[in-house]
């Protein structure tokens, strides 16, 4: 399932960034929608994984055990700073995102955060369609493909070990595929 740009915008706009939960959730949703970071990696993201001086986020992915380095985009950086300064409970937890009730352990389900704001924003989901974290990763990949970003780069952004893992996103770029198609009314010489 690929989200429309309007749905992604509505999801982000549904977050009340005036309270601690909203500050946390907004930063999390930006990591998913703009960098395609997996649920498990957001949950395990540590304060030491953010290199403010280099504008980078670097961590070892839980699923692949491979290290990944991603840009700390300005909007994401400011959202994390806002959460750390004005939303995150005072705790010595090494994790960036924590639950807001003692003992302040790391967040558990990013998918629940996505589902909450999907409901609050009024985004309708057809029965059987996925509209969670994985679909937001799929959406990011599809948008990058539409912008003619190389599949190798998309694969790297999403943290795939094998480029073949990213090929699933090719089917979403129908307009791009149409540009490659041969016209049937043209005779082709195969000799």
N, C-alpha and C. Protein backbone atom coordinates (compact mmCIF):
# COMPACT_ATOMS: atom_id res chain seq x y z
N UNK A 1 0.84 -1.19 0.00
CA UNK A 1 0.00 0.00 0.00
C UNK A 1 0.88 1.24 0.00
N UNK A 2 0.63 2.14 -0.92
CA UNK A 2 1.35 3.40 -1.00
C UNK A 2 0.41 4.52 -0.55
N UNK A 3 0.87 5.31 0.40
CA UNK A 3 0.09 6.44 0.90
C UNK A 3 0.16 7.58 -0.12
N UNK A 4 -0.91 8.36 -0.21
CA UNK A 4 -0.86 9.57 -1.03
C UNK A 4 -0.07 10.62 -0.25
N UNK A 5 0.46 11.60 -0.98
CA UNK A 5 1.16 12.70 -0.31
C UNK A 5 0.23 13.42 0.66
N UNK A 6 -1.03 13.53 0.27
CA UNK A 6 -2.01 14.18 1.14
C UNK A 6 -2.21 13.40 2.44
N UNK A 7 -2.28 12.07 2.34
CA UNK A 7 -2.44 11.25 3.54
C UNK A 7 -1.24 11.37 4.47
N UNK A 8 -0.04 11.37 3.91
CA UNK A 8 1.16 11.52 4.75
C UNK A 8 1.14 12.89 5.43
N UNK A 9 0.78 13.91 4.70
CA UNK A 9 0.68 15.26 5.26
C UNK A 9 -0.39 15.30 6.37
N UNK A 10 -1.53 14.70 6.11
CA UNK A 10 -2.60 14.66 7.12
C UNK A 10 -2.18 13.90 8.36
N UNK A 11 -1.43 12.82 8.18
CA UNK A 11 -0.92 12.04 9.31
C UNK A 11 -0.05 12.93 10.20
N UNK A 12 0.89 13.62 9.59
CA UNK A 12 1.80 14.49 10.36
C UNK A 12 1.07 15.66 10.99
N UNK A 13 0.10 16.22 10.28
CA UNK A 13 -0.65 17.36 10.80
C UNK A 13 -1.59 16.99 11.93
N UNK A 14 -1.91 15.71 12.08
CA UNK A 14 -2.80 15.26 13.15
C UNK A 14 -2.11 15.26 14.51
N UNK A 15 -0.80 15.37 14.51
CA UNK A 15 -0.04 15.31 15.77
C UNK A 15 -0.10 16.66 16.48
N UNK A 16 -0.50 16.63 17.76
CA UNK A 16 -0.49 17.83 18.59
C UNK A 16 0.91 17.98 19.17
N UNK A 17 1.71 18.86 18.57
CA UNK A 17 3.10 19.02 19.00
C UNK A 17 3.24 19.92 20.20
N UNK A 18 2.12 20.27 20.81
CA UNK A 18 2.14 21.12 21.99
C UNK A 18 2.25 20.33 23.29
N UNK A 19 2.30 19.02 23.20
CA UNK A 19 2.43 18.21 24.42
C UNK A 19 3.58 17.21 24.25
N UNK A 20 4.08 16.67 25.36
CA UNK A 20 5.23 15.76 25.29
C UNK A 20 5.03 14.55 24.38
N UNK A 21 3.84 13.92 24.45
CA UNK A 21 3.58 12.76 23.59
C UNK A 21 3.64 13.15 22.12
N UNK A 22 3.04 14.28 21.79
CA UNK A 22 3.03 14.75 20.41
C UNK A 22 4.42 15.07 19.89
N UNK A 23 5.24 15.68 20.75
CA UNK A 23 6.62 15.99 20.35
C UNK A 23 7.37 14.70 20.00
N UNK A 24 7.20 13.69 20.85
CA UNK A 24 7.85 12.39 20.60
C UNK A 24 7.31 11.75 19.33
N UNK A 25 5.99 11.69 19.23
CA UNK A 25 5.36 11.01 18.11
C UNK A 25 5.67 11.69 16.78
N UNK A 26 5.73 13.01 16.78
CA UNK A 26 6.03 13.74 15.55
C UNK A 26 7.44 13.40 15.06
N UNK A 27 8.41 13.41 15.97
CA UNK A 27 9.79 13.07 15.60
C UNK A 27 9.86 11.64 15.06
N UNK A 28 9.15 10.73 15.70
CA UNK A 28 9.12 9.33 15.25
C UNK A 28 8.53 9.23 13.85
N UNK A 29 7.41 9.89 13.63
CA UNK A 29 6.76 9.83 12.32
C UNK A 29 7.63 10.43 11.22
N UNK A 30 8.39 11.47 11.54
CA UNK A 30 9.31 12.03 10.55
C UNK A 30 10.40 11.04 10.20
N UNK A 31 10.91 10.30 11.19
CA UNK A 31 11.95 9.30 10.91
C UNK A 31 11.42 8.22 9.96
N UNK A 32 10.14 7.87 10.12
CA UNK A 32 9.55 6.85 9.26
C UNK A 32 9.27 7.42 7.87
N UNK A 33 8.62 8.58 7.81
CA UNK A 33 8.17 9.10 6.52
C UNK A 33 9.28 9.71 5.68
N UNK A 34 10.33 10.25 6.32
CA UNK A 34 11.38 10.92 5.55
C UNK A 34 12.65 10.09 5.39
N UNK A 35 12.86 9.12 6.29
CA UNK A 35 14.06 8.29 6.17
C UNK A 35 13.74 6.80 6.05
N UNK A 36 12.50 6.42 6.27
CA UNK A 36 12.11 5.03 6.11
C UNK A 36 12.70 4.10 7.16
N UNK A 37 12.98 4.62 8.33
CA UNK A 37 13.60 3.79 9.38
C UNK A 37 12.56 2.80 9.91
N UNK A 38 12.99 1.56 10.09
CA UNK A 38 12.11 0.50 10.57
C UNK A 38 11.67 0.74 12.02
N UNK A 39 10.51 0.20 12.35
CA UNK A 39 9.94 0.24 13.69
C UNK A 39 10.98 -0.17 14.74
N UNK A 40 11.60 -1.32 14.55
CA UNK A 40 12.55 -1.85 15.53
C UNK A 40 13.77 -0.94 15.70
N UNK A 41 14.18 -0.26 14.64
CA UNK A 41 15.35 0.60 14.72
C UNK A 41 15.02 1.94 15.39
N UNK A 42 13.80 2.43 15.20
CA UNK A 42 13.38 3.63 15.92
C UNK A 42 13.29 3.32 17.41
N UNK A 43 12.71 2.20 17.72
CA UNK A 43 12.57 1.76 19.11
C UNK A 43 13.95 1.68 19.79
N UNK A 44 14.95 1.19 19.07
CA UNK A 44 16.29 0.98 19.63
C UNK A 44 17.26 2.14 19.40
N UNK A 45 16.79 3.24 18.80
CA UNK A 45 17.66 4.37 18.52
C UNK A 45 18.15 4.98 19.84
N UNK A 46 19.46 5.12 19.96
CA UNK A 46 20.06 5.65 21.18
C UNK A 46 20.54 7.08 20.97
N UNK A 47 20.66 7.79 22.05
CA UNK A 47 21.15 9.16 22.00
C UNK A 47 22.52 9.22 21.34
N UNK A 48 23.33 8.19 21.56
CA UNK A 48 24.68 8.15 20.98
C UNK A 48 24.68 7.83 19.49
N UNK A 49 23.53 7.50 18.91
CA UNK A 49 23.43 7.22 17.48
C UNK A 49 23.25 8.48 16.65
N UNK A 50 23.05 9.61 17.32
CA UNK A 50 22.85 10.87 16.60
C UNK A 50 24.14 11.69 16.70
N UNK A 51 24.69 12.00 15.54
CA UNK A 51 25.92 12.77 15.46
C UNK A 51 25.56 14.19 15.02
N UNK A 52 25.26 15.03 16.00
CA UNK A 52 24.77 16.37 15.74
C UNK A 52 25.79 17.19 14.95
N UNK A 53 27.06 17.02 15.27
CA UNK A 53 28.10 17.82 14.61
C UNK A 53 28.26 17.46 13.13
N UNK A 54 27.84 16.27 12.74
CA UNK A 54 27.95 15.82 11.35
C UNK A 54 26.59 15.75 10.65
N UNK A 55 25.51 16.03 11.39
CA UNK A 55 24.15 15.90 10.86
C UNK A 55 23.89 14.51 10.32
N UNK A 56 24.23 13.50 11.13
CA UNK A 56 24.06 12.10 10.74
C UNK A 56 23.38 11.30 11.84
N UNK A 57 22.68 10.27 11.41
CA UNK A 57 22.17 9.25 12.31
C UNK A 57 22.84 7.96 11.86
N UNK A 58 23.47 7.26 12.80
CA UNK A 58 24.17 6.04 12.45
C UNK A 58 23.88 4.99 13.51
N UNK A 59 23.44 3.83 13.05
CA UNK A 59 23.11 2.75 13.98
C UNK A 59 23.22 1.41 13.26
N UNK A 60 23.25 0.35 14.04
CA UNK A 60 23.24 -1.00 13.49
C UNK A 60 21.80 -1.46 13.45
N UNK A 61 21.35 -1.84 12.26
CA UNK A 61 19.96 -2.26 12.09
C UNK A 61 19.72 -3.59 12.80
N UNK A 62 18.60 -3.68 13.45
CA UNK A 62 18.24 -4.91 14.15
C UNK A 62 17.99 -6.05 13.17
N UNK A 63 17.26 -5.77 12.09
CA UNK A 63 16.88 -6.82 11.15
C UNK A 63 18.07 -7.38 10.37
N UNK A 64 18.96 -6.51 9.93
CA UNK A 64 20.05 -6.94 9.05
C UNK A 64 21.40 -7.04 9.75
N UNK A 65 21.51 -6.49 10.93
CA UNK A 65 22.76 -6.37 11.69
C UNK A 65 23.82 -5.56 10.95
N UNK A 66 23.40 -4.81 9.95
CA UNK A 66 24.31 -3.96 9.18
C UNK A 66 24.23 -2.53 9.71
N UNK A 67 25.38 -1.86 9.72
CA UNK A 67 25.42 -0.45 10.11
C UNK A 67 24.87 0.38 8.97
N UNK A 68 24.10 1.40 9.31
CA UNK A 68 23.54 2.31 8.32
C UNK A 68 23.79 3.74 8.79
N UNK A 69 24.10 4.60 7.83
CA UNK A 69 24.30 6.01 8.11
C UNK A 69 23.32 6.79 7.25
N UNK A 70 22.53 7.63 7.90
CA UNK A 70 21.51 8.42 7.21
C UNK A 70 21.69 9.89 7.57
N UNK A 71 21.25 10.78 6.69
CA UNK A 71 21.36 12.21 7.01
C UNK A 71 20.36 12.60 8.10
N UNK A 72 20.80 13.45 8.99
CA UNK A 72 19.89 14.02 9.98
C UNK A 72 19.30 15.27 9.33
N UNK A 73 18.18 15.06 8.65
CA UNK A 73 17.54 16.15 7.93
C UNK A 73 17.11 17.24 8.93
N UNK A 74 17.16 18.51 8.51
CA UNK A 74 16.85 19.61 9.45
C UNK A 74 15.52 19.45 10.18
N UNK A 75 14.45 19.12 9.45
CA UNK A 75 13.14 19.00 10.09
C UNK A 75 13.15 17.90 11.16
N UNK A 76 13.83 16.81 10.88
CA UNK A 76 13.93 15.72 11.84
C UNK A 76 14.78 16.15 13.04
N UNK A 77 15.90 16.78 12.76
CA UNK A 77 16.77 17.25 13.84
C UNK A 77 16.06 18.19 14.79
N UNK A 78 15.32 19.15 14.25
CA UNK A 78 14.61 20.11 15.10
C UNK A 78 13.50 19.42 15.88
N UNK A 79 12.85 18.46 15.27
CA UNK A 79 11.79 17.73 15.99
C UNK A 79 12.37 16.92 17.14
N UNK A 80 13.51 16.28 16.92
CA UNK A 80 14.15 15.52 18.00
C UNK A 80 14.62 16.47 19.10
N UNK A 81 15.21 17.60 18.73
CA UNK A 81 15.64 18.58 19.73
C UNK A 81 14.46 19.06 20.56
N UNK A 82 13.35 19.37 19.89
CA UNK A 82 12.15 19.82 20.60
C UNK A 82 11.68 18.76 21.60
N UNK A 83 11.70 17.51 21.18
CA UNK A 83 11.30 16.43 22.08
C UNK A 83 12.28 16.30 23.25
N UNK A 84 13.57 16.29 22.96
CA UNK A 84 14.56 16.11 24.02
C UNK A 84 14.53 17.25 25.03
N UNK A 85 14.32 18.48 24.57
CA UNK A 85 14.34 19.64 25.46
C UNK A 85 13.01 19.88 26.16
N UNK A 86 11.90 19.58 25.48
CA UNK A 86 10.60 20.00 26.00
C UNK A 86 9.57 18.89 26.11
N UNK A 87 9.95 17.65 25.87
CA UNK A 87 8.95 16.60 25.92
C UNK A 87 9.40 15.34 26.63
N UNK A 88 10.65 14.98 26.47
CA UNK A 88 11.16 13.72 27.01
C UNK A 88 11.26 13.80 28.53
N UNK A 89 10.74 12.80 29.24
CA UNK A 89 10.87 12.80 30.70
C UNK A 89 12.36 12.77 31.10
N UNK A 90 12.64 13.29 32.27
CA UNK A 90 14.00 13.25 32.78
C UNK A 90 14.32 11.81 33.15
N UNK A 91 15.26 11.24 32.43
CA UNK A 91 15.63 9.85 32.63
C UNK A 91 17.04 9.62 32.13
N UNK A 92 17.69 8.62 32.67
CA UNK A 92 19.03 8.28 32.19
C UNK A 92 18.98 7.17 31.13
N UNK A 93 17.80 6.90 30.59
CA UNK A 93 17.65 5.90 29.54
C UNK A 93 18.53 6.28 28.35
N UNK A 94 19.22 5.33 27.76
CA UNK A 94 20.05 5.63 26.59
C UNK A 94 19.24 5.80 25.31
N UNK A 95 17.95 5.44 25.36
CA UNK A 95 17.12 5.48 24.15
C UNK A 95 16.56 6.88 23.93
N UNK A 96 16.48 7.28 22.67
CA UNK A 96 15.94 8.60 22.34
C UNK A 96 14.47 8.67 22.72
N UNK A 97 13.70 7.68 22.30
CA UNK A 97 12.25 7.72 22.48
C UNK A 97 11.83 6.77 23.59
N UNK A 98 11.21 7.33 24.61
CA UNK A 98 10.81 6.53 25.77
C UNK A 98 9.31 6.69 26.01
N UNK A 99 8.76 5.70 26.74
CA UNK A 99 7.38 5.86 27.18
C UNK A 99 7.37 6.93 28.27
N UNK A 100 6.24 7.53 28.51
CA UNK A 100 6.19 8.68 29.40
C UNK A 100 5.66 8.34 30.79
N UNK A 101 5.81 7.09 31.17
CA UNK A 101 5.47 6.67 32.52
C UNK A 101 6.63 5.87 33.07
N UNK A 102 6.97 6.13 34.34
CA UNK A 102 8.09 5.41 34.95
C UNK A 102 7.85 3.92 34.81
N UNK A 103 8.85 3.15 34.50
CA UNK A 103 10.29 3.43 34.56
C UNK A 103 10.90 3.95 33.25
N UNK A 104 10.17 4.56 32.38
CA UNK A 104 10.68 5.23 31.19
C UNK A 104 11.50 4.33 30.28
N UNK A 105 10.97 3.18 29.96
CA UNK A 105 11.64 2.29 29.02
C UNK A 105 11.43 2.81 27.59
N UNK A 106 12.12 2.20 26.65
CA UNK A 106 12.01 2.62 25.26
C UNK A 106 10.59 2.40 24.74
N UNK A 107 10.19 3.20 23.75
CA UNK A 107 8.88 2.99 23.13
C UNK A 107 8.81 1.57 22.60
N UNK A 108 7.61 1.02 22.53
CA UNK A 108 7.47 -0.37 22.13
C UNK A 108 6.97 -0.56 20.71
N UNK A 109 5.95 0.14 20.31
CA UNK A 109 5.32 -0.12 19.01
C UNK A 109 5.12 1.17 18.23
N UNK A 110 6.00 1.43 17.29
CA UNK A 110 5.85 2.58 16.41
C UNK A 110 4.58 2.42 15.58
N UNK A 111 4.24 1.18 15.24
CA UNK A 111 3.03 0.92 14.47
C UNK A 111 1.78 1.42 15.17
N UNK A 112 1.75 1.35 16.49
CA UNK A 112 0.60 1.87 17.24
C UNK A 112 0.51 3.39 17.12
N UNK A 113 1.66 4.05 17.06
CA UNK A 113 1.68 5.51 16.90
C UNK A 113 1.14 5.88 15.52
N UNK A 114 1.58 5.15 14.50
CA UNK A 114 1.07 5.40 13.14
C UNK A 114 -0.44 5.18 13.11
N UNK A 115 -0.91 4.08 13.68
CA UNK A 115 -2.35 3.76 13.66
C UNK A 115 -3.16 4.83 14.38
N UNK A 116 -2.64 5.32 15.49
CA UNK A 116 -3.36 6.36 16.25
C UNK A 116 -3.60 7.61 15.41
N UNK A 117 -2.54 8.11 14.78
CA UNK A 117 -2.68 9.35 14.01
C UNK A 117 -3.39 9.11 12.68
N UNK A 118 -3.32 7.92 12.19
CA UNK A 118 -4.09 7.58 10.99
C UNK A 118 -5.57 7.70 11.31
N UNK A 119 -5.98 7.17 12.47
CA UNK A 119 -7.39 7.29 12.89
C UNK A 119 -7.76 8.74 13.16
N UNK A 120 -6.90 9.44 13.91
CA UNK A 120 -7.21 10.83 14.29
C UNK A 120 -7.28 11.76 13.09
N UNK A 121 -6.53 11.45 12.04
CA UNK A 121 -6.54 12.30 10.85
C UNK A 121 -7.69 11.97 9.91
N UNK A 122 -8.39 10.86 10.21
CA UNK A 122 -9.53 10.47 9.37
C UNK A 122 -9.14 9.76 8.09
N UNK A 123 -7.92 9.29 8.01
CA UNK A 123 -7.48 8.56 6.81
C UNK A 123 -8.18 7.21 6.80
N UNK A 124 -8.89 6.96 5.74
CA UNK A 124 -9.63 5.70 5.61
C UNK A 124 -8.74 4.65 4.96
N UNK A 125 -8.82 3.45 5.50
CA UNK A 125 -8.03 2.34 4.97
C UNK A 125 -8.99 1.25 4.55
N UNK A 126 -8.86 0.82 3.30
CA UNK A 126 -9.70 -0.27 2.82
C UNK A 126 -9.33 -1.56 3.55
N UNK A 127 -10.30 -2.38 3.78
CA UNK A 127 -10.06 -3.65 4.46
C UNK A 127 -9.01 -4.46 3.71
N UNK A 128 -8.07 -4.99 4.45
CA UNK A 128 -7.02 -5.80 3.85
C UNK A 128 -5.79 -5.02 3.43
N UNK A 129 -5.87 -3.70 3.37
CA UNK A 129 -4.71 -2.88 3.00
C UNK A 129 -3.91 -2.53 4.24
N UNK A 130 -2.62 -2.65 4.13
CA UNK A 130 -1.72 -2.26 5.22
C UNK A 130 -1.50 -0.76 5.15
N UNK A 131 -1.55 -0.11 6.28
CA UNK A 131 -1.33 1.33 6.35
C UNK A 131 -0.47 1.64 7.56
N UNK A 132 0.61 0.89 7.75
CA UNK A 132 1.45 1.05 8.92
C UNK A 132 2.85 1.48 8.56
N UNK A 133 3.79 1.15 9.44
CA UNK A 133 5.18 1.56 9.26
C UNK A 133 5.75 1.03 7.95
N UNK A 134 5.52 -0.24 7.66
CA UNK A 134 6.07 -0.81 6.42
C UNK A 134 5.50 -0.11 5.19
N UNK A 135 4.22 0.21 5.23
CA UNK A 135 3.63 0.89 4.08
C UNK A 135 4.19 2.31 3.92
N UNK A 136 4.58 2.95 5.03
CA UNK A 136 5.22 4.26 4.93
C UNK A 136 6.63 4.15 4.34
N UNK A 137 7.33 3.06 4.66
CA UNK A 137 8.63 2.80 4.03
C UNK A 137 8.44 2.57 2.53
N UNK A 138 7.42 1.82 2.20
CA UNK A 138 7.08 1.54 0.80
C UNK A 138 6.75 2.86 0.08
N UNK A 139 6.02 3.72 0.75
CA UNK A 139 5.65 5.00 0.17
C UNK A 139 6.88 5.85 -0.10
N UNK A 140 7.80 5.91 0.86
CA UNK A 140 9.03 6.67 0.66
C UNK A 140 9.80 6.14 -0.54
N UNK A 141 9.95 4.83 -0.62
CA UNK A 141 10.67 4.23 -1.75
C UNK A 141 9.99 4.57 -3.07
N UNK A 142 8.68 4.50 -3.10
CA UNK A 142 7.93 4.80 -4.33
C UNK A 142 8.11 6.25 -4.74
N UNK A 143 8.06 7.17 -3.77
CA UNK A 143 8.25 8.60 -4.08
C UNK A 143 9.67 8.85 -4.62
N UNK A 144 10.66 8.21 -4.01
CA UNK A 144 12.03 8.37 -4.49
C UNK A 144 12.18 7.82 -5.90
N UNK A 145 11.55 6.70 -6.17
CA UNK A 145 11.59 6.11 -7.51
C UNK A 145 10.94 7.04 -8.53
N UNK A 146 9.83 7.65 -8.15
CA UNK A 146 9.16 8.62 -9.03
C UNK A 146 10.06 9.81 -9.34
N UNK A 147 10.96 10.13 -8.41
CA UNK A 147 11.89 11.25 -8.60
C UNK A 147 13.17 10.81 -9.30
N UNK A 148 13.15 9.59 -9.83
CA UNK A 148 14.26 9.03 -10.60
C UNK A 148 15.52 8.79 -9.76
N UNK A 149 15.33 8.53 -8.48
CA UNK A 149 16.45 8.16 -7.62
C UNK A 149 16.81 6.71 -7.96
N UNK A 150 18.09 6.43 -8.08
CA UNK A 150 18.54 5.09 -8.45
C UNK A 150 18.11 4.06 -7.41
N UNK A 151 17.75 2.88 -7.90
CA UNK A 151 17.29 1.80 -7.02
C UNK A 151 18.36 1.44 -5.99
N UNK A 152 19.63 1.51 -6.37
CA UNK A 152 20.71 1.22 -5.44
C UNK A 152 20.69 2.18 -4.26
N UNK A 153 20.42 3.46 -4.53
CA UNK A 153 20.37 4.46 -3.46
C UNK A 153 19.14 4.25 -2.59
N UNK A 154 18.02 3.96 -3.20
CA UNK A 154 16.80 3.67 -2.44
C UNK A 154 17.03 2.48 -1.52
N UNK A 155 17.65 1.45 -2.05
CA UNK A 155 17.95 0.26 -1.27
C UNK A 155 18.84 0.61 -0.08
N UNK A 156 19.82 1.47 -0.30
CA UNK A 156 20.70 1.90 0.78
C UNK A 156 19.99 2.71 1.84
N UNK A 157 19.12 3.62 1.41
CA UNK A 157 18.37 4.44 2.35
C UNK A 157 17.51 3.56 3.25
N UNK A 158 16.88 2.55 2.65
CA UNK A 158 16.00 1.67 3.42
C UNK A 158 16.76 0.60 4.20
N UNK A 159 18.06 0.54 3.99
CA UNK A 159 18.87 -0.39 4.75
C UNK A 159 18.77 -1.83 4.29
N UNK A 160 18.52 -2.03 3.01
CA UNK A 160 18.47 -3.40 2.47
C UNK A 160 19.89 -3.91 2.24
N UNK A 161 20.13 -5.15 2.55
CA UNK A 161 21.43 -5.76 2.29
C UNK A 161 21.57 -6.06 0.80
N UNK A 162 20.48 -6.50 0.18
CA UNK A 162 20.48 -6.92 -1.21
C UNK A 162 19.56 -6.00 -2.00
N UNK A 163 20.05 -5.48 -3.11
CA UNK A 163 19.24 -4.58 -3.94
C UNK A 163 17.95 -5.24 -4.41
N UNK A 164 17.95 -6.56 -4.53
CA UNK A 164 16.74 -7.27 -4.96
C UNK A 164 15.58 -7.04 -3.98
N UNK A 165 15.90 -6.73 -2.73
CA UNK A 165 14.84 -6.45 -1.75
C UNK A 165 14.07 -5.18 -2.12
N UNK A 166 14.74 -4.26 -2.80
CA UNK A 166 14.10 -3.00 -3.17
C UNK A 166 13.31 -3.11 -4.47
N UNK A 167 13.50 -4.18 -5.21
CA UNK A 167 12.81 -4.31 -6.50
C UNK A 167 11.30 -4.40 -6.37
N UNK A 168 10.81 -4.72 -5.18
CA UNK A 168 9.37 -4.77 -4.97
C UNK A 168 8.73 -3.41 -5.23
N UNK A 169 9.51 -2.34 -5.11
CA UNK A 169 8.96 -0.99 -5.31
C UNK A 169 8.84 -0.63 -6.78
N UNK A 170 9.43 -1.40 -7.66
CA UNK A 170 9.36 -1.10 -9.09
C UNK A 170 7.94 -1.12 -9.62
N UNK A 171 7.11 -2.01 -9.09
CA UNK A 171 5.76 -2.12 -9.62
C UNK A 171 4.91 -0.89 -9.34
N UNK A 172 5.34 -0.05 -8.41
CA UNK A 172 4.53 1.12 -8.08
C UNK A 172 4.75 2.28 -9.04
N UNK A 173 5.82 2.26 -9.83
CA UNK A 173 6.11 3.35 -10.74
C UNK A 173 5.57 3.03 -12.13
N UNK A 174 4.27 2.93 -12.23
CA UNK A 174 3.61 2.56 -13.48
C UNK A 174 3.93 3.57 -14.59
N UNK A 175 3.90 4.87 -14.26
CA UNK A 175 4.19 5.87 -15.29
C UNK A 175 5.61 5.72 -15.81
N UNK A 176 6.55 5.43 -14.93
CA UNK A 176 7.92 5.21 -15.36
C UNK A 176 8.04 3.99 -16.25
N UNK A 177 7.34 2.93 -15.91
CA UNK A 177 7.35 1.72 -16.73
C UNK A 177 6.73 1.97 -18.10
N UNK A 178 5.69 2.78 -18.13
CA UNK A 178 5.04 3.09 -19.42
C UNK A 178 6.01 3.80 -20.37
N UNK A 179 6.89 4.63 -19.82
CA UNK A 179 7.86 5.33 -20.66
C UNK A 179 8.85 4.37 -21.30
N UNK A 180 9.04 3.22 -20.67
CA UNK A 180 9.98 2.22 -21.19
C UNK A 180 9.34 1.27 -22.19
N UNK A 181 8.03 1.25 -22.23
CA UNK A 181 7.31 0.27 -23.06
C UNK A 181 7.46 0.60 -24.55
N UNK A 182 7.52 -0.45 -25.36
CA UNK A 182 7.55 -0.29 -26.81
C UNK A 182 6.12 -0.10 -27.32
N UNK A 183 5.99 0.71 -28.31
CA UNK A 183 4.69 0.89 -28.93
C UNK A 183 4.33 -0.36 -29.72
N UNK A 184 3.12 -0.85 -29.58
CA UNK A 184 2.69 -2.05 -30.28
C UNK A 184 2.39 -1.79 -31.76
N UNK A 185 2.20 -0.53 -32.11
CA UNK A 185 1.91 -0.25 -33.51
C UNK A 185 3.19 -0.02 -34.32
N UNK A 186 4.32 -0.19 -33.69
CA UNK A 186 5.60 -0.08 -34.36
C UNK A 186 6.16 -1.46 -34.61
N UNK A 187 6.67 -1.67 -35.80
CA UNK A 187 7.26 -2.98 -36.13
C UNK A 187 8.68 -3.01 -35.57
N UNK A 188 9.02 -4.09 -34.92
CA UNK A 188 10.35 -4.26 -34.36
C UNK A 188 11.10 -5.31 -35.13
N UNK A 189 12.31 -4.99 -35.56
CA UNK A 189 13.15 -5.93 -36.29
C UNK A 189 14.05 -6.64 -35.28
N UNK A 190 13.85 -7.95 -35.10
CA UNK A 190 14.61 -8.71 -34.13
C UNK A 190 15.87 -9.33 -34.73
N UNK A 191 16.13 -9.10 -35.98
CA UNK A 191 17.31 -9.72 -36.62
C UNK A 191 18.53 -8.88 -36.50
